[in-house]
N, C-alpha and C. Protein backbone atom coordinates (compact mmCIF):
# COMPACT_ATOMS: atom_id res chain seq x y z
N MET A 1 -24.05 -52.74 -40.45
CA MET A 1 -24.66 -52.11 -39.31
C MET A 1 -24.33 -52.97 -38.08
N ARG A 2 -23.84 -52.31 -37.07
CA ARG A 2 -23.37 -53.03 -35.88
C ARG A 2 -24.17 -52.59 -34.65
N PHE A 3 -24.81 -53.57 -34.01
CA PHE A 3 -25.54 -53.32 -32.77
C PHE A 3 -24.58 -53.64 -31.63
N GLU A 4 -24.19 -52.60 -30.91
CA GLU A 4 -23.13 -52.76 -29.93
C GLU A 4 -23.63 -52.98 -28.51
N ALA A 5 -24.73 -52.38 -28.15
CA ALA A 5 -25.25 -52.53 -26.80
C ALA A 5 -26.70 -52.09 -26.76
N PHE A 6 -27.46 -52.68 -25.86
CA PHE A 6 -28.82 -52.20 -25.64
C PHE A 6 -29.21 -52.49 -24.21
N SER A 7 -30.07 -51.65 -23.71
CA SER A 7 -30.65 -51.82 -22.39
C SER A 7 -31.99 -51.10 -22.41
N PHE A 8 -32.70 -51.14 -21.32
CA PHE A 8 -34.01 -50.49 -21.30
C PHE A 8 -33.85 -49.01 -21.66
N GLY A 9 -34.51 -48.60 -22.75
CA GLY A 9 -34.50 -47.19 -23.15
C GLY A 9 -33.29 -46.73 -23.92
N SER A 10 -32.41 -47.65 -24.33
CA SER A 10 -31.19 -47.23 -25.01
C SER A 10 -30.66 -48.34 -25.92
N ILE A 11 -30.19 -47.94 -27.10
CA ILE A 11 -29.53 -48.87 -28.01
C ILE A 11 -28.39 -48.14 -28.71
N ARG A 12 -27.25 -48.80 -28.85
CA ARG A 12 -26.11 -48.20 -29.56
C ARG A 12 -25.92 -48.94 -30.87
N ILE A 13 -26.00 -48.17 -31.96
CA ILE A 13 -25.84 -48.71 -33.31
C ILE A 13 -24.72 -47.96 -33.99
N ASP A 14 -23.72 -48.68 -34.46
CA ASP A 14 -22.58 -48.07 -35.14
C ASP A 14 -21.98 -46.91 -34.35
N GLY A 15 -21.86 -47.09 -33.04
CA GLY A 15 -21.22 -46.09 -32.19
C GLY A 15 -22.11 -44.94 -31.75
N VAL A 16 -23.36 -44.92 -32.22
CA VAL A 16 -24.29 -43.85 -31.85
C VAL A 16 -25.33 -44.41 -30.89
N THR A 17 -25.48 -43.76 -29.73
CA THR A 17 -26.47 -44.20 -28.75
C THR A 17 -27.79 -43.48 -29.01
N HIS A 18 -28.85 -44.28 -29.10
CA HIS A 18 -30.20 -43.75 -29.32
C HIS A 18 -30.99 -44.06 -28.05
N GLU A 19 -31.57 -43.04 -27.44
CA GLU A 19 -32.35 -43.23 -26.22
C GLU A 19 -33.84 -43.13 -26.52
N TYR A 20 -34.24 -43.78 -27.59
CA TYR A 20 -35.63 -43.82 -28.02
C TYR A 20 -35.78 -45.05 -28.91
N ASP A 21 -37.01 -45.43 -29.17
CA ASP A 21 -37.27 -46.55 -30.07
C ASP A 21 -36.83 -46.17 -31.47
N VAL A 22 -36.25 -47.12 -32.18
CA VAL A 22 -35.77 -46.85 -33.53
C VAL A 22 -36.41 -47.78 -34.54
N VAL A 23 -36.44 -47.32 -35.78
CA VAL A 23 -36.83 -48.12 -36.93
C VAL A 23 -35.66 -48.01 -37.90
N ILE A 24 -35.20 -49.14 -38.37
CA ILE A 24 -34.11 -49.14 -39.35
C ILE A 24 -34.72 -49.55 -40.68
N ASP A 25 -34.62 -48.66 -41.64
CA ASP A 25 -35.19 -48.90 -42.95
C ASP A 25 -34.09 -48.81 -44.00
N ARG A 26 -33.76 -49.94 -44.58
CA ARG A 26 -32.72 -50.03 -45.61
C ARG A 26 -31.42 -49.35 -45.20
N GLY A 27 -30.99 -49.64 -43.96
CA GLY A 27 -29.72 -49.13 -43.48
C GLY A 27 -29.75 -47.77 -42.82
N GLU A 28 -30.88 -47.11 -42.79
CA GLU A 28 -30.99 -45.81 -42.15
C GLU A 28 -31.77 -45.93 -40.84
N VAL A 29 -31.22 -45.33 -39.78
CA VAL A 29 -31.85 -45.38 -38.46
C VAL A 29 -32.75 -44.16 -38.31
N HIS A 30 -34.00 -44.41 -37.93
CA HIS A 30 -34.97 -43.34 -37.71
C HIS A 30 -35.63 -43.53 -36.34
N LYS A 31 -36.09 -42.46 -35.76
CA LYS A 31 -36.85 -42.55 -34.53
C LYS A 31 -38.22 -43.15 -34.85
N ARG A 32 -38.64 -44.09 -34.01
CA ARG A 32 -39.96 -44.69 -34.20
C ARG A 32 -41.04 -43.65 -33.93
N LYS A 33 -41.98 -43.54 -34.84
CA LYS A 33 -43.09 -42.60 -34.69
C LYS A 33 -44.30 -43.38 -34.20
N LYS A 34 -44.40 -43.47 -32.88
CA LYS A 34 -45.41 -44.34 -32.29
C LYS A 34 -46.71 -43.63 -31.92
N LYS A 35 -46.83 -42.38 -32.30
CA LYS A 35 -48.03 -41.61 -31.95
C LYS A 35 -49.31 -42.29 -32.44
N LEU A 36 -49.28 -42.86 -33.63
CA LEU A 36 -50.46 -43.50 -34.18
C LEU A 36 -50.90 -44.74 -33.40
N SER A 37 -49.98 -45.31 -32.61
CA SER A 37 -50.30 -46.50 -31.82
C SER A 37 -50.66 -46.16 -30.37
N LYS A 38 -50.53 -44.91 -29.98
CA LYS A 38 -50.78 -44.50 -28.59
C LYS A 38 -52.17 -44.89 -28.10
N GLU A 39 -53.15 -44.89 -29.00
CA GLU A 39 -54.52 -45.21 -28.59
C GLU A 39 -54.66 -46.61 -28.00
N PHE A 40 -53.71 -47.50 -28.27
CA PHE A 40 -53.76 -48.87 -27.78
C PHE A 40 -52.96 -49.07 -26.49
N ARG A 41 -52.31 -48.02 -26.02
CA ARG A 41 -51.40 -48.10 -24.88
C ARG A 41 -52.04 -48.66 -23.62
N ASP A 42 -53.24 -48.20 -23.28
CA ASP A 42 -53.88 -48.64 -22.05
C ASP A 42 -54.11 -50.15 -22.02
N ALA A 43 -54.38 -50.73 -23.16
CA ALA A 43 -54.64 -52.17 -23.24
C ALA A 43 -53.38 -53.00 -23.07
N PHE A 44 -52.19 -52.39 -23.29
CA PHE A 44 -50.94 -53.15 -23.27
C PHE A 44 -49.96 -52.73 -22.18
N GLY A 45 -50.15 -51.57 -21.60
CA GLY A 45 -49.20 -51.09 -20.59
C GLY A 45 -48.04 -50.31 -21.18
N HIS A 46 -47.75 -50.55 -22.44
CA HIS A 46 -46.74 -49.82 -23.22
C HIS A 46 -47.37 -49.55 -24.58
N THR A 47 -46.82 -48.61 -25.32
CA THR A 47 -47.35 -48.36 -26.67
C THR A 47 -46.94 -49.52 -27.57
N PRO A 48 -47.92 -50.27 -28.08
CA PRO A 48 -47.58 -51.43 -28.91
C PRO A 48 -47.21 -51.02 -30.33
N LEU A 49 -46.63 -51.93 -31.06
CA LEU A 49 -46.43 -51.75 -32.49
C LEU A 49 -47.73 -52.14 -33.17
N SER A 50 -48.34 -51.21 -33.89
CA SER A 50 -49.61 -51.49 -34.58
C SER A 50 -49.43 -51.26 -36.08
N VAL A 51 -50.39 -51.73 -36.84
CA VAL A 51 -50.33 -51.55 -38.30
C VAL A 51 -50.56 -50.10 -38.70
N LYS A 52 -50.95 -49.25 -37.74
CA LYS A 52 -51.12 -47.83 -38.05
C LYS A 52 -49.78 -47.12 -38.23
N GLU A 53 -48.70 -47.70 -37.69
CA GLU A 53 -47.37 -47.11 -37.83
C GLU A 53 -46.80 -47.42 -39.21
N LYS A 54 -45.82 -46.62 -39.60
CA LYS A 54 -45.13 -46.86 -40.87
C LYS A 54 -44.09 -47.95 -40.62
N ILE A 55 -44.40 -49.13 -41.05
CA ILE A 55 -43.51 -50.29 -40.88
C ILE A 55 -42.80 -50.49 -42.21
N PRO A 56 -41.48 -50.62 -42.20
CA PRO A 56 -40.74 -50.78 -43.46
C PRO A 56 -40.88 -52.20 -44.03
N TRP A 57 -42.03 -52.46 -44.63
CA TRP A 57 -42.31 -53.80 -45.14
C TRP A 57 -41.42 -54.17 -46.33
N GLU A 58 -40.91 -53.17 -47.06
CA GLU A 58 -40.10 -53.45 -48.25
C GLU A 58 -38.66 -53.75 -47.83
N CYS A 59 -38.48 -54.88 -47.22
CA CYS A 59 -37.15 -55.27 -46.73
C CYS A 59 -36.97 -56.76 -46.98
N ARG A 60 -35.74 -57.19 -46.90
CA ARG A 60 -35.47 -58.63 -47.03
C ARG A 60 -35.93 -59.37 -45.79
N ARG A 61 -35.71 -58.74 -44.63
CA ARG A 61 -36.10 -59.37 -43.37
C ARG A 61 -36.57 -58.29 -42.41
N LEU A 62 -37.74 -58.46 -41.86
CA LEU A 62 -38.27 -57.52 -40.88
C LEU A 62 -37.93 -58.04 -39.49
N VAL A 63 -37.22 -57.23 -38.73
CA VAL A 63 -36.87 -57.59 -37.35
C VAL A 63 -37.52 -56.57 -36.44
N ILE A 64 -38.30 -57.06 -35.51
CA ILE A 64 -38.94 -56.19 -34.53
C ILE A 64 -38.22 -56.43 -33.22
N GLY A 65 -37.39 -55.47 -32.85
CA GLY A 65 -36.59 -55.63 -31.65
C GLY A 65 -37.34 -55.18 -30.42
N THR A 66 -37.41 -56.04 -29.46
CA THR A 66 -38.09 -55.69 -28.23
C THR A 66 -37.12 -55.32 -27.13
N GLY A 67 -35.82 -55.34 -27.41
CA GLY A 67 -34.84 -54.95 -26.40
C GLY A 67 -34.97 -55.81 -25.16
N THR A 68 -35.62 -55.27 -24.14
CA THR A 68 -35.79 -56.03 -22.90
C THR A 68 -37.09 -56.83 -22.89
N GLY A 69 -37.80 -56.86 -24.00
CA GLY A 69 -39.00 -57.66 -24.09
C GLY A 69 -40.28 -56.94 -23.76
N ALA A 70 -40.24 -55.62 -23.62
CA ALA A 70 -41.43 -54.87 -23.20
C ALA A 70 -42.30 -54.39 -24.36
N LEU A 71 -41.81 -54.45 -25.59
CA LEU A 71 -42.58 -53.93 -26.72
C LEU A 71 -43.66 -54.92 -27.14
N PRO A 72 -44.93 -54.58 -26.92
CA PRO A 72 -45.99 -55.46 -27.40
C PRO A 72 -46.15 -55.29 -28.91
N VAL A 73 -46.39 -56.38 -29.59
CA VAL A 73 -46.64 -56.36 -31.02
C VAL A 73 -48.07 -56.86 -31.22
N MET A 74 -48.89 -56.01 -31.82
CA MET A 74 -50.30 -56.36 -31.97
C MET A 74 -50.48 -57.51 -32.96
N LYS A 75 -51.55 -58.29 -32.76
CA LYS A 75 -51.83 -59.45 -33.60
C LYS A 75 -51.94 -59.07 -35.07
N GLU A 76 -52.47 -57.88 -35.35
CA GLU A 76 -52.63 -57.44 -36.74
C GLU A 76 -51.27 -57.29 -37.43
N VAL A 77 -50.26 -56.86 -36.69
CA VAL A 77 -48.91 -56.73 -37.26
C VAL A 77 -48.37 -58.12 -37.57
N LYS A 78 -48.54 -59.04 -36.65
CA LYS A 78 -48.06 -60.41 -36.86
C LYS A 78 -48.78 -61.06 -38.04
N ARG A 79 -50.09 -60.81 -38.14
CA ARG A 79 -50.87 -61.37 -39.24
C ARG A 79 -50.42 -60.80 -40.58
N GLU A 80 -50.18 -59.47 -40.62
CA GLU A 80 -49.71 -58.84 -41.86
C GLU A 80 -48.32 -59.33 -42.24
N ALA A 81 -47.45 -59.51 -41.25
CA ALA A 81 -46.10 -60.03 -41.53
C ALA A 81 -46.19 -61.44 -42.11
N LYS A 82 -47.05 -62.25 -41.55
CA LYS A 82 -47.23 -63.62 -42.05
C LYS A 82 -47.77 -63.60 -43.48
N ARG A 83 -48.76 -62.72 -43.72
CA ARG A 83 -49.33 -62.61 -45.06
C ARG A 83 -48.26 -62.22 -46.07
N ARG A 84 -47.43 -61.24 -45.70
CA ARG A 84 -46.38 -60.78 -46.61
C ARG A 84 -45.28 -61.82 -46.78
N GLN A 85 -45.03 -62.59 -45.75
CA GLN A 85 -44.02 -63.65 -45.84
C GLN A 85 -44.48 -64.72 -46.82
N ASP A 86 -45.75 -65.01 -46.82
CA ASP A 86 -46.29 -66.05 -47.69
C ASP A 86 -46.47 -65.60 -49.13
N ARG A 87 -46.42 -64.27 -49.36
CA ARG A 87 -46.59 -63.71 -50.70
C ARG A 87 -45.21 -63.44 -51.29
N PRO A 88 -44.91 -63.94 -52.48
CA PRO A 88 -43.58 -63.68 -53.05
C PRO A 88 -43.36 -62.20 -53.33
N SER A 89 -42.14 -61.75 -53.09
CA SER A 89 -41.77 -60.37 -53.41
C SER A 89 -41.70 -60.24 -54.93
N PRO A 90 -41.66 -59.00 -55.47
CA PRO A 90 -41.52 -58.84 -56.92
C PRO A 90 -40.30 -59.57 -57.48
N ALA A 91 -39.17 -59.53 -56.75
CA ALA A 91 -37.96 -60.22 -57.23
C ALA A 91 -38.18 -61.73 -57.21
N GLN A 92 -38.81 -62.25 -56.16
CA GLN A 92 -39.08 -63.68 -56.10
C GLN A 92 -40.06 -64.09 -57.20
N LYS A 93 -41.08 -63.25 -57.41
CA LYS A 93 -42.07 -63.53 -58.45
C LYS A 93 -41.41 -63.56 -59.81
N GLN A 94 -40.49 -62.64 -60.07
CA GLN A 94 -39.78 -62.61 -61.35
C GLN A 94 -39.02 -63.91 -61.55
N ARG A 95 -38.35 -64.38 -60.49
CA ARG A 95 -37.62 -65.65 -60.61
C ARG A 95 -38.58 -66.80 -60.88
N LEU A 96 -39.75 -66.79 -60.23
CA LEU A 96 -40.73 -67.84 -60.45
C LEU A 96 -41.26 -67.81 -61.87
N ASP A 97 -41.38 -66.61 -62.44
CA ASP A 97 -41.94 -66.45 -63.79
C ASP A 97 -40.90 -66.68 -64.89
N ASP A 98 -39.60 -66.68 -64.52
CA ASP A 98 -38.56 -66.86 -65.54
C ASP A 98 -38.71 -68.24 -66.17
N PRO A 99 -38.51 -68.31 -67.49
CA PRO A 99 -38.60 -69.62 -68.16
C PRO A 99 -37.48 -70.55 -67.68
N VAL A 100 -37.80 -71.80 -67.59
CA VAL A 100 -36.81 -72.81 -67.20
C VAL A 100 -35.98 -73.15 -68.43
N PRO A 101 -34.63 -73.08 -68.32
CA PRO A 101 -33.79 -73.37 -69.51
C PRO A 101 -33.85 -74.82 -69.92
């Protein structure tokens, strides 16, 4: 996946320009569905990323792109990301549980 350019309100991924917020989940680009976070907009000036949105937690690395830096990320999202980072994934847990030769 190649990120070729971005500016306020626009990002080009693999030659396709998206003029909306995107979520990339396991290699697929989707439009961000921020309706569930709209209730927090007045407090932030922009619609923040909240835990009410469908966040693709089942990934190797979660990247929250702010583009020009305007996307607020709520504390609950950061807290959940930290919690998940500190918890081993099923694959990591399997490696931890494997017997030592």
